[in-house]
Amino acid sequence: KMLSPIDHAMLPNFGNLDPNFQDAAFDPGRQYSIPYMWGTIGIGYRK
């Protein structure tokens, strides 16, 4: 109970998001979270 629900009516730019990110298994309907950046973890190396 650390997060407040998000009012999507106050986010007209929500539609700019990639449809794949407009929902999430960890937050169905994006009630509490809006995707920002994503990526991977891997190995950085000196060639």
All heavy atoms as atom14 arrays in JSON, in Angstrom:
{
  "sequence": "KMLSPIDHAMLPNFGNLDPNFQDAAFDPGRQYSIPYMWGTIGIGYRK",
  "atom14_mask": [
    [1, 1, 1, 1, 1, 1, 1, 1, 1, 0, 0, 0, 0, 0],
    [1, 1, 1, 1, 1, 1, 1, 1, 0, 0, 0, 0, 0, 0],
    [1, 1, 1, 1, 1, 1, 1, 1, 0, 0, 0, 0, 0, 0],
    [1, 1, 1, 1, 1, 1, 0, 0, 0, 0, 0, 0, 0, 0],
    [1, 1, 1, 1, 1, 1, 1, 0, 0, 0, 0, 0, 0, 0],
    [1, 1, 1, 1, 1, 1, 1, 1, 0, 0, 0, 0, 0, 0],
    [1, 1, 1, 1, 1, 1, 1, 1, 0, 0, 0, 0, 0, 0],
    [1, 1, 1, 1, 1, 1, 1, 1, 1, 1, 0, 0, 0, 0],
    [1, 1, 1, 1, 1, 0, 0, 0, 0, 0, 0, 0, 0, 0],
    [1, 1, 1, 1, 1, 1, 1, 1, 0, 0, 0, 0, 0, 0],
    [1, 1, 1, 1, 1, 1, 1, 1, 0, 0, 0, 0, 0, 0],
    [1, 1, 1, 1, 1, 1, 1, 0, 0, 0, 0, 0, 0, 0],
    [1, 1, 1, 1, 1, 1, 1, 1, 0, 0, 0, 0, 0, 0],
    [1, 1, 1, 1, 1, 1, 1, 1, 1, 1, 1, 0, 0, 0],
    [1, 1, 1, 1, 0, 0, 0, 0, 0, 0, 0, 0, 0, 0],
    [1, 1, 1, 1, 1, 1, 1, 1, 0, 0, 0, 0, 0, 0],
    [1, 1, 1, 1, 1, 1, 1, 1, 0, 0, 0, 0, 0, 0],
    [1, 1, 1, 1, 1, 1, 1, 1, 0, 0, 0, 0, 0, 0],
    [1, 1, 1, 1, 1, 1, 1, 0, 0, 0, 0, 0, 0, 0],
    [1, 1, 1, 1, 1, 1, 1, 1, 0, 0, 0, 0, 0, 0],
    [1, 1, 1, 1, 1, 1, 1, 1, 1, 1, 1, 0, 0, 0],
    [1, 1, 1, 1, 1, 1, 1, 1, 1, 0, 0, 0, 0, 0],
    [1, 1, 1, 1, 1, 1, 1, 1, 0, 0, 0, 0, 0, 0],
    [1, 1, 1, 1, 1, 0, 0, 0, 0, 0, 0, 0, 0, 0],
    [1, 1, 1, 1, 1, 0, 0, 0, 0, 0, 0, 0, 0, 0],
    [1, 1, 1, 1, 1, 1, 1, 1, 1, 1, 1, 0, 0, 0],
    [1, 1, 1, 1, 1, 1, 1, 1, 0, 0, 0, 0, 0, 0],
    [1, 1, 1, 1, 1, 1, 1, 0, 0, 0, 0, 0, 0, 0],
    [1, 1, 1, 1, 0, 0, 0, 0, 0, 0, 0, 0, 0, 0],
    [1, 1, 1, 1, 1, 1, 1, 1, 1, 1, 1, 0, 0, 0],
    [1, 1, 1, 1, 1, 1, 1, 1, 1, 0, 0, 0, 0, 0],
    [1, 1, 1, 1, 1, 1, 1, 1, 1, 1, 1, 1, 0, 0],
    [1, 1, 1, 1, 1, 1, 0, 0, 0, 0, 0, 0, 0, 0],
    [1, 1, 1, 1, 1, 1, 1, 1, 0, 0, 0, 0, 0, 0],
    [1, 1, 1, 1, 1, 1, 1, 0, 0, 0, 0, 0, 0, 0],
    [1, 1, 1, 1, 1, 1, 1, 1, 1, 1, 1, 1, 0, 0],
    [1, 1, 1, 1, 1, 1, 1, 1, 0, 0, 0, 0, 0, 0],
    [1, 1, 1, 1, 1, 1, 1, 1, 1, 1, 1, 1, 1, 1],
    [1, 1, 1, 1, 0, 0, 0, 0, 0, 0, 0, 0, 0, 0],
    [1, 1, 1, 1, 1, 1, 1, 0, 0, 0, 0, 0, 0, 0],
    [1, 1, 1, 1, 1, 1, 1, 1, 0, 0, 0, 0, 0, 0],
    [1, 1, 1, 1, 0, 0, 0, 0, 0, 0, 0, 0, 0, 0],
    [1, 1, 1, 1, 1, 1, 1, 1, 0, 0, 0, 0, 0, 0],
    [1, 1, 1, 1, 0, 0, 0, 0, 0, 0, 0, 0, 0, 0],
    [1, 1, 1, 1, 1, 1, 1, 1, 1, 1, 1, 1, 0, 0],
    [1, 1, 1, 1, 1, 1, 1, 1, 1, 1, 1, 0, 0, 0],
    [1, 1, 1, 1, 1, 1, 1, 1, 1, 0, 0, 0, 0, 0]
  ],
  "atom14_positions": [
    [[0.82, -1.23, 0.0], [0.0, 0.0, 0.0], [0.86, 1.28, 0.0], [0.53, 2.27, 0.65], [-0.98, 0.0, 1.17], [-1.93, -1.22, 1.15], [-3.14, -1.02, 2.02], [-4.24, -2.06, 1.86], [-4.0, -3.27, 1.11], [0.0, 0.0, 0.0], [0.0, 0.0, 0.0], [0.0, 0.0, 0.0], [0.0, 0.0, 0.0], [0.0, 0.0, 0.0]],
    [[1.97, 1.22, -0.73], [2.86, 2.38, -0.8], [2.58, 3.28, -2.01], [3.2, 4.33, -2.13], [4.32, 1.9, -0.91], [4.89, 1.31, 0.34], [6.62, 0.9, 0.01], [7.09, 0.13, 1.54], [0.0, 0.0, 0.0], [0.0, 0.0, 0.0], [0.0, 0.0, 0.0], [0.0, 0.0, 0.0], [0.0, 0.0, 0.0], [0.0, 0.0, 0.0]],
    [[1.7, 2.82, -2.93], [1.46, 3.58, -4.15], [0.0, 4.03, -4.24], [-0.91, 3.31, -3.82], [1.81, 2.75, -5.39], [3.25, 2.23, -5.49], [3.44, 1.45, -6.78], [4.27, 3.37, -5.41], [0.0, 0.0, 0.0], [0.0, 0.0, 0.0], [0.0, 0.0, 0.0], [0.0, 0.0, 0.0], [0.0, 0.0, 0.0], [0.0, 0.0, 0.0]],
    [[-0.19, 5.22, -4.82], [-1.54, 5.75, -5.06], [-1.97, 5.37, -6.48], [-1.14, 5.37, -7.4], [-1.54, 7.27, -4.97], [-1.29, 7.68, -3.66], [0.0, 0.0, 0.0], [0.0, 0.0, 0.0], [0.0, 0.0, 0.0], [0.0, 0.0, 0.0], [0.0, 0.0, 0.0], [0.0, 0.0, 0.0], [0.0, 0.0, 0.0], [0.0, 0.0, 0.0]],
    [[-3.27, 5.1, -6.67], [-3.73, 4.84, -8.04], [-3.5, 6.06, -8.93], [-3.55, 7.21, -8.46], [-5.23, 4.57, -7.87], [-5.44, 4.31, -6.42], [-4.35, 5.04, -5.69], [0.0, 0.0, 0.0], [0.0, 0.0, 0.0], [0.0, 0.0, 0.0], [0.0, 0.0, 0.0], [0.0, 0.0, 0.0], [0.0, 0.0, 0.0], [0.0, 0.0, 0.0]],
    [[-3.26, 5.8, -10.21], [-3.03, 6.87, -11.18], [-4.34, 7.17, -11.91], [-5.06, 6.25, -12.31], [-1.91, 6.46, -12.17], [-0.56, 6.52, -11.42], [-1.88, 7.35, -13.4], [0.59, 5.92, -12.15], [0.0, 0.0, 0.0], [0.0, 0.0, 0.0], [0.0, 0.0, 0.0], [0.0, 0.0, 0.0], [0.0, 0.0, 0.0], [0.0, 0.0, 0.0]],
    [[-4.63, 8.46, -12.06], [-5.84, 8.89, -12.77], [-5.5, 9.07, -14.25], [-4.93, 10.09, -14.64], [-6.35, 10.19, -12.15], [-7.63, 10.69, -12.82], [-8.07, 10.06, -13.81], [-8.16, 11.72, -12.37], [0.0, 0.0, 0.0], [0.0, 0.0, 0.0], [0.0, 0.0, 0.0], [0.0, 0.0, 0.0], [0.0, 0.0, 0.0], [0.0, 0.0, 0.0]],
    [[-5.86, 8.08, -15.06], [-5.5, 8.13, -16.48], [-6.14, 9.31, -17.22], [-5.63, 9.75, -18.24], [-5.86, 6.8, -17.16], [-4.9, 5.7, -16.82], [-4.17, 5.02, -17.77], [-4.52, 5.18, -15.62], [-3.4, 4.12, -17.18], [-3.59, 4.2, -15.87], [0.0, 0.0, 0.0], [0.0, 0.0, 0.0], [0.0, 0.0, 0.0], [0.0, 0.0, 0.0]],
    [[-7.25, 9.81, -16.68], [-7.91, 10.98, -17.3], [-7.0, 12.21, -17.27], [-7.16, 13.13, -18.07], [-9.22, 11.27, -16.59], [0.0, 0.0, 0.0], [0.0, 0.0, 0.0], [0.0, 0.0, 0.0], [0.0, 0.0, 0.0], [0.0, 0.0, 0.0], [0.0, 0.0, 0.0], [0.0, 0.0, 0.0], [0.0, 0.0, 0.0], [0.0, 0.0, 0.0]],
    [[-6.03, 12.2, -16.34], [-5.1, 13.33, -16.23], [-3.84, 13.14, -17.07], [-2.92, 13.96, -17.0], [-4.72, 13.55, -14.76], [-5.87, 14.05, -13.91], [-5.37, 14.34, -12.19], [-4.34, 15.8, -12.38], [0.0, 0.0, 0.0], [0.0, 0.0, 0.0], [0.0, 0.0, 0.0], [0.0, 0.0, 0.0], [0.0, 0.0, 0.0], [0.0, 0.0, 0.0]],
    [[-3.8, 12.06, -17.86], [-2.61, 11.76, -18.68], [-3.0, 11.66, -20.17], [-3.0, 10.57, -20.75], [-1.96, 10.45, -18.22], [-1.5, 10.35, -16.76], [-0.92, 8.98, -16.49], [-0.5, 11.44, -16.41], [0.0, 0.0, 0.0], [0.0, 0.0, 0.0], [0.0, 0.0, 0.0], [0.0, 0.0, 0.0], [0.0, 0.0, 0.0], [0.0, 0.0, 0.0]],
    [[-3.3, 12.79, -20.8], [-3.66, 12.73, -22.23], [-2.56, 12.13, -23.11], [-2.85, 11.6, -24.18], [-3.94, 14.18, -22.6], [-3.43, 15.01, -21.48], [-3.43, 14.15, -20.26], [0.0, 0.0, 0.0], [0.0, 0.0, 0.0], [0.0, 0.0, 0.0], [0.0, 0.0, 0.0], [0.0, 0.0, 0.0], [0.0, 0.0, 0.0], [0.0, 0.0, 0.0]],
    [[-1.3, 12.16, -22.66], [-0.19, 11.62, -23.46], [0.01, 10.12, -23.28], [0.93, 9.54, -23.87], [1.13, 12.34, -23.12], [1.14, 13.77, -23.64], [0.49, 14.09, -24.64], [1.89, 14.64, -22.98], [0.0, 0.0, 0.0], [0.0, 0.0, 0.0], [0.0, 0.0, 0.0], [0.0, 0.0, 0.0], [0.0, 0.0, 0.0], [0.0, 0.0, 0.0]],
    [[-0.84, 9.47, -22.48], [-0.7, 8.02, -22.25], [-0.69, 7.25, -23.58], [0.01, 6.26, -23.74], [-1.83, 7.51, -21.35], [-1.71, 6.05, -20.98], [-0.87, 5.64, -19.95], [-2.43, 5.07, -21.67], [-0.75, 4.29, -19.6], [-2.31, 3.72, -21.33], [-1.48, 3.33, -20.3], [0.0, 0.0, 0.0], [0.0, 0.0, 0.0], [0.0, 0.0, 0.0]],
    [[-1.48, 7.74, -24.54], [-1.57, 7.08, -25.85], [-0.27, 7.08, -26.64], [-0.15, 6.34, -27.63], [0.0, 0.0, 0.0], [0.0, 0.0, 0.0], [0.0, 0.0, 0.0], [0.0, 0.0, 0.0], [0.0, 0.0, 0.0], [0.0, 0.0, 0.0], [0.0, 0.0, 0.0], [0.0, 0.0, 0.0], [0.0, 0.0, 0.0], [0.0, 0.0, 0.0]],
    [[0.72, 7.89, -26.23], [2.02, 7.88, -26.9], [2.8, 6.6, -26.62], [3.76, 6.27, -27.32], [2.88, 9.08, -26.46], [2.4, 10.38, -27.07], [1.71, 10.38, -28.09], [2.76, 11.5, -26.46], [0.0, 0.0, 0.0], [0.0, 0.0, 0.0], [0.0, 0.0, 0.0], [0.0, 0.0, 0.0], [0.0, 0.0, 0.0], [0.0, 0.0, 0.0]],
    [[2.4, 5.89, -25.56], [3.13, 4.68, -25.19], [2.93, 3.57, -26.21], [1.86, 3.4, -26.78], [2.67, 4.19, -23.81], [3.12, 5.04, -22.63], [2.35, 4.66, -21.38], [4.62, 4.9, -22.39], [0.0, 0.0, 0.0], [0.0, 0.0, 0.0], [0.0, 0.0, 0.0], [0.0, 0.0, 0.0], [0.0, 0.0, 0.0], [0.0, 0.0, 0.0]],
    [[3.98, 2.78, -26.4], [3.89, 1.56, -27.19], [2.77, 0.7, -26.59], [2.74, 0.5, -25.37], [5.25, 0.84, -27.08], [5.32, -0.44, -27.91], [4.35, -1.21, -27.87], [6.35, -0.65, -28.55], [0.0, 0.0, 0.0], [0.0, 0.0, 0.0], [0.0, 0.0, 0.0], [0.0, 0.0, 0.0], [0.0, 0.0, 0.0], [0.0, 0.0, 0.0]],
    [[1.84, 0.18, -27.42], [0.74, -0.63, -26.89], [1.21, -1.79, -26.01], [0.53, -2.16, -25.04], [0.05, -1.15, -28.15], [0.36, -0.14, -29.2], [1.73, 0.39, -28.88], [0.0, 0.0, 0.0], [0.0, 0.0, 0.0], [0.0, 0.0, 0.0], [0.0, 0.0, 0.0], [0.0, 0.0, 0.0], [0.0, 0.0, 0.0], [0.0, 0.0, 0.0]],
    [[2.41, -2.35, -26.3], [2.94, -3.45, -25.49], [3.2, -3.03, -24.04], [3.32, -3.88, -23.16], [4.27, -3.97, -26.07], [4.08, -4.65, -27.4], [3.04, -5.27, -27.62], [5.05, -4.52, -28.29], [0.0, 0.0, 0.0], [0.0, 0.0, 0.0], [0.0, 0.0, 0.0], [0.0, 0.0, 0.0], [0.0, 0.0, 0.0], [0.0, 0.0, 0.0]],
    [[3.34, -1.73, -23.82], [3.66, -1.23, -22.48], [2.45, -0.59, -21.79], [2.57, -0.1, -20.68], [4.81, -0.22, -22.55], [6.14, -0.84, -22.84], [6.64, -0.91, -24.13], [6.9, -1.39, -21.82], [7.87, -1.49, -24.39], [8.13, -1.98, -22.06], [8.61, -2.03, -23.36], [0.0, 0.0, 0.0], [0.0, 0.0, 0.0], [0.0, 0.0, 0.0]],
    [[1.3, -0.6, -22.47], [0.12, 0.04, -21.87], [-0.56, -0.87, -20.85], [-1.52, -0.46, -20.19], [-0.85, 0.49, -22.97], [-0.29, 1.65, -23.77], [-1.27, 2.23, -24.77], [-2.48, 2.02, -24.66], [-0.76, 2.95, -25.76], [0.0, 0.0, 0.0], [0.0, 0.0, 0.0], [0.0, 0.0, 0.0], [0.0, 0.0, 0.0], [0.0, 0.0, 0.0]],
    [[-0.07, -2.08, -20.74], [-0.54, -3.02, -19.72], [0.69, -3.75, -19.2], [1.74, -3.74, -19.85], [-1.54, -4.0, -20.35], [-2.4, -4.7, -19.31], [-2.26, -4.39, -18.1], [-3.21, -5.55, -19.69], [0.0, 0.0, 0.0], [0.0, 0.0, 0.0], [0.0, 0.0, 0.0], [0.0, 0.0, 0.0], [0.0, 0.0, 0.0], [0.0, 0.0, 0.0]],
    [[0.59, -4.38, -18.04], [1.74, -5.1, -17.5], [1.26, -6.19, -16.56], [0.33, -5.96, -15.78], [2.67, -4.15, -16.75], [0.0, 0.0, 0.0], [0.0, 0.0, 0.0], [0.0, 0.0, 0.0], [0.0, 0.0, 0.0], [0.0, 0.0, 0.0], [0.0, 0.0, 0.0], [0.0, 0.0, 0.0], [0.0, 0.0, 0.0], [0.0, 0.0, 0.0]],
    [[1.91, -7.34, -16.62], [1.54, -8.45, -15.72], [1.71, -8.04, -14.26], [0.93, -8.46, -13.4], [2.4, -9.67, -16.04], [0.0, 0.0, 0.0], [0.0, 0.0, 0.0], [0.0, 0.0, 0.0], [0.0, 0.0, 0.0], [0.0, 0.0, 0.0], [0.0, 0.0, 0.0], [0.0, 0.0, 0.0], [0.0, 0.0, 0.0], [0.0, 0.0, 0.0]],
    [[2.73, -7.2, -13.98], [2.99, -6.8, -12.59], [2.07, -5.66, -12.14], [2.02, -5.33, -10.96], [4.46, -6.42, -12.38], [4.94, -5.26, -13.22], [4.78, -3.95, -12.77], [5.55, -5.47, -14.45], [5.21, -2.87, -13.54], [5.98, -4.4, -15.22], [5.81, -3.1, -14.77], [0.0, 0.0, 0.0], [0.0, 0.0, 0.0], [0.0, 0.0, 0.0]],
    [[1.33, -5.05, -13.09], [0.4, -3.97, -12.74], [-0.72, -3.92, -13.79], [-0.72, -3.06, -14.67], [1.15, -2.63, -12.67], [0.22, -1.46, -12.32], [-0.86, -1.71, -11.76], [0.6, -0.31, -12.63], [0.0, 0.0, 0.0], [0.0, 0.0, 0.0], [0.0, 0.0, 0.0], [0.0, 0.0, 0.0], [0.0, 0.0, 0.0], [0.0, 0.0, 0.0]],
    [[-1.67, -4.86, -13.7], [-2.73, -4.93, -14.71], [-3.46, -3.59, -14.88], [-3.82, -2.94, -13.9], [-3.67, -6.01, -14.16], [-2.79, -6.85, -13.28], [-1.81, -5.9, -12.67], [0.0, 0.0, 0.0], [0.0, 0.0, 0.0], [0.0, 0.0, 0.0], [0.0, 0.0, 0.0], [0.0, 0.0, 0.0], [0.0, 0.0, 0.0], [0.0, 0.0, 0.0]],
    [[-3.6, -3.19, -16.15], [-4.29, -1.93, -16.44], [-3.49, -0.69, -16.11], [-3.99, 0.43, -16.21], [0.0, 0.0, 0.0], [0.0, 0.0, 0.0], [0.0, 0.0, 0.0], [0.0, 0.0, 0.0], [0.0, 0.0, 0.0], [0.0, 0.0, 0.0], [0.0, 0.0, 0.0], [0.0, 0.0, 0.0], [0.0, 0.0, 0.0], [0.0, 0.0, 0.0]],
    [[-2.24, -0.9, -15.71], [-1.37, 0.23, -15.35], [-2.06, 1.17, -14.35], [-2.08, 2.39, -14.5], [-0.99, 1.02, -16.61], [0.02, 0.3, -17.49], [1.38, 0.35, -16.86], [2.4, -0.31, -17.67], [3.65, -0.55, -17.26], [4.03, -0.19, -16.06], [4.51, -1.14, -18.02], [0.0, 0.0, 0.0], [0.0, 0.0, 0.0], [0.0, 0.0, 0.0]],
    [[-2.61, 0.54, -13.31], [-3.31, 1.34, -12.29], [-2.36, 2.16, -11.42], [-2.73, 3.19, -10.89], [-4.11, 0.41, -11.37], [-5.28, -0.28, -12.04], [-5.98, -1.17, -11.03], [-6.68, -0.67, -10.14], [-5.78, -2.46, -11.14], [0.0, 0.0, 0.0], [0.0, 0.0, 0.0], [0.0, 0.0, 0.0], [0.0, 0.0, 0.0], [0.0, 0.0, 0.0]],
    [[-1.13, 1.64, -11.24], [-0.2, 2.28, -10.3], [1.13, 2.69, -10.92], [1.95, 3.27, -10.22], [0.1, 1.31, -9.14], [-1.1, 0.98, -8.3], [-1.86, -0.16, -8.54], [-1.49, 1.82, -7.24], [-2.96, -0.47, -7.75], [-2.59, 1.53, -6.46], [-3.33, 0.38, -6.72], [-4.41, 0.09, -5.95], [0.0, 0.0, 0.0], [0.0, 0.0, 0.0]],
    [[1.36, 2.37, -12.17], [2.7, 2.62, -12.74], [2.6, 3.01, -14.21], [1.78, 2.47, -14.94], [3.57, 1.37, -12.59], [3.09, 0.33, -13.41], [0.0, 0.0, 0.0], [0.0, 0.0, 0.0], [0.0, 0.0, 0.0], [0.0, 0.0, 0.0], [0.0, 0.0, 0.0], [0.0, 0.0, 0.0], [0.0, 0.0, 0.0], [0.0, 0.0, 0.0]],
    [[3.44, 3.93, -14.61], [3.52, 4.36, -16.01], [4.92, 4.03, -16.51], [5.91, 4.46, -15.9], [3.24, 5.88, -16.13], [1.83, 6.21, -15.63], [3.44, 6.34, -17.57], [0.68, 5.6, -16.41], [0.0, 0.0, 0.0], [0.0, 0.0, 0.0], [0.0, 0.0, 0.0], [0.0, 0.0, 0.0], [0.0, 0.0, 0.0], [0.0, 0.0, 0.0]],
    [[5.05, 3.25, -17.59], [6.39, 2.84, -18.04], [7.24, 4.03, -18.46], [6.76, 4.97, -19.07], [6.1, 1.92, -19.23], [4.74, 2.31, -19.7], [4.0, 2.76, -18.49], [0.0, 0.0, 0.0], [0.0, 0.0, 0.0], [0.0, 0.0, 0.0], [0.0, 0.0, 0.0], [0.0, 0.0, 0.0], [0.0, 0.0, 0.0], [0.0, 0.0, 0.0]],
    [[8.51, 3.96, -18.11], [9.45, 5.04, -18.41], [10.51, 4.52, -19.38], [10.42, 4.72, -20.58], [10.04, 5.56, -17.1], [11.09, 6.63, -17.23], [10.9, 7.74, -18.04], [12.3, 6.54, -16.52], [11.87, 8.73, -18.15], [13.26, 7.52, -16.62], [13.05, 8.61, -17.44], [14.01, 9.57, -17.55], [0.0, 0.0, 0.0], [0.0, 0.0, 0.0]],
    [[11.48, 3.78, -18.88], [12.52, 3.18, -19.73], [12.58, 1.68, -19.46], [12.13, 1.21, -18.42], [13.88, 3.8, -19.44], [13.97, 5.29, -19.74], [14.04, 5.65, -21.5], [13.65, 7.4, -21.5], [0.0, 0.0, 0.0], [0.0, 0.0, 0.0], [0.0, 0.0, 0.0], [0.0, 0.0, 0.0], [0.0, 0.0, 0.0], [0.0, 0.0, 0.0]],
    [[13.14, 0.93, -20.39], [13.28, -0.51, -20.19], [14.59, -0.96, -20.84], [15.24, -0.2, -21.55], [12.08, -1.26, -20.78], [11.98, -1.19, -22.28], [11.52, -0.14, -23.03], [12.34, -2.22, -23.22], [11.58, -0.44, -24.36], [12.07, -1.71, -24.51], [12.86, -3.51, -23.1], [12.32, -2.45, -25.67], [13.1, -4.24, -24.25], [12.83, -3.71, -25.52]],
    [[14.97, -2.18, -20.54], [16.21, -2.67, -21.15], [16.64, -3.99, -20.57], [15.83, -4.75, -20.02], [0.0, 0.0, 0.0], [0.0, 0.0, 0.0], [0.0, 0.0, 0.0], [0.0, 0.0, 0.0], [0.0, 0.0, 0.0], [0.0, 0.0, 0.0], [0.0, 0.0, 0.0], [0.0, 0.0, 0.0], [0.0, 0.0, 0.0], [0.0, 0.0, 0.0]],
    [[17.93, -4.24, -20.69], [18.49, -5.53, -20.31], [19.65, -5.31, -19.36], [20.13, -4.2, -19.18], [19.03, -6.28, -21.55], [19.94, -5.41, -22.24], [17.91, -6.68, -22.49], [0.0, 0.0, 0.0], [0.0, 0.0, 0.0], [0.0, 0.0, 0.0], [0.0, 0.0, 0.0], [0.0, 0.0, 0.0], [0.0, 0.0, 0.0], [0.0, 0.0, 0.0]],
    [[20.09, -6.43, -18.8], [21.35, -6.43, -18.07], [22.26, -7.4, -18.82], [21.79, -8.38, -19.39], [21.11, -6.85, -16.62], [22.22, -6.31, -15.74], [20.98, -8.32, -16.45], [21.86, -6.39, -14.29], [0.0, 0.0, 0.0], [0.0, 0.0, 0.0], [0.0, 0.0, 0.0], [0.0, 0.0, 0.0], [0.0, 0.0, 0.0], [0.0, 0.0, 0.0]],
    [[23.53, -7.1, -18.89], [24.43, -7.98, -19.63], [25.87, -7.72, -19.23], [26.15, -7.25, -18.12], [0.0, 0.0, 0.0], [0.0, 0.0, 0.0], [0.0, 0.0, 0.0], [0.0, 0.0, 0.0], [0.0, 0.0, 0.0], [0.0, 0.0, 0.0], [0.0, 0.0, 0.0], [0.0, 0.0, 0.0], [0.0, 0.0, 0.0], [0.0, 0.0, 0.0]],
    [[26.77, -8.01, -20.14], [28.21, -7.89, -19.87], [28.79, -6.77, -20.72], [28.7, -6.78, -21.95], [28.94, -9.22, -20.18], [28.39, -10.35, -19.29], [30.45, -9.06, -19.98], [28.95, -11.73, -19.63], [0.0, 0.0, 0.0], [0.0, 0.0, 0.0], [0.0, 0.0, 0.0], [0.0, 0.0, 0.0], [0.0, 0.0, 0.0], [0.0, 0.0, 0.0]],
    [[29.37, -5.78, -20.03], [30.18, -4.78, -20.71], [31.62, -5.28, -20.71], [32.06, -5.89, -19.73], [0.0, 0.0, 0.0], [0.0, 0.0, 0.0], [0.0, 0.0, 0.0], [0.0, 0.0, 0.0], [0.0, 0.0, 0.0], [0.0, 0.0, 0.0], [0.0, 0.0, 0.0], [0.0, 0.0, 0.0], [0.0, 0.0, 0.0], [0.0, 0.0, 0.0]],
    [[32.33, -5.05, -21.81], [33.7, -5.6, -21.88], [34.61, -4.72, -22.73], [34.15, -3.98, -23.6], [33.67, -7.03, -22.45], [33.12, -7.16, -23.86], [33.97, -7.25, -24.97], [31.75, -7.18, -24.09], [33.47, -7.36, -26.25], [31.23, -7.29, -25.37], [32.1, -7.37, -26.46], [31.59, -7.46, -27.74], [0.0, 0.0, 0.0], [0.0, 0.0, 0.0]],
    [[35.91, -4.82, -22.42], [36.92, -4.1, -23.19], [37.42, -5.05, -24.28], [38.04, -6.06, -24.0], [38.05, -3.63, -22.28], [39.08, -2.78, -22.99], [39.93, -1.94, -22.06], [39.23, -0.8, -21.48], [38.93, 0.32, -22.14], [39.26, 0.47, -23.41], [38.29, 1.3, -21.53], [0.0, 0.0, 0.0], [0.0, 0.0, 0.0], [0.0, 0.0, 0.0]],
    [[37.11, -4.7, -25.53], [37.34, -5.61, -26.67], [38.81, -6.05, -26.76], [39.1, -7.22, -27.02], [36.92, -4.94, -27.98], [35.43, -4.59, -28.05], [35.17, -3.74, -29.3], [33.75, -3.19, -29.28], [33.54, -2.21, -30.38], [0.0, 0.0, 0.0], [0.0, 0.0, 0.0], [0.0, 0.0, 0.0], [0.0, 0.0, 0.0], [0.0, 0.0, 0.0]]
  ]
}
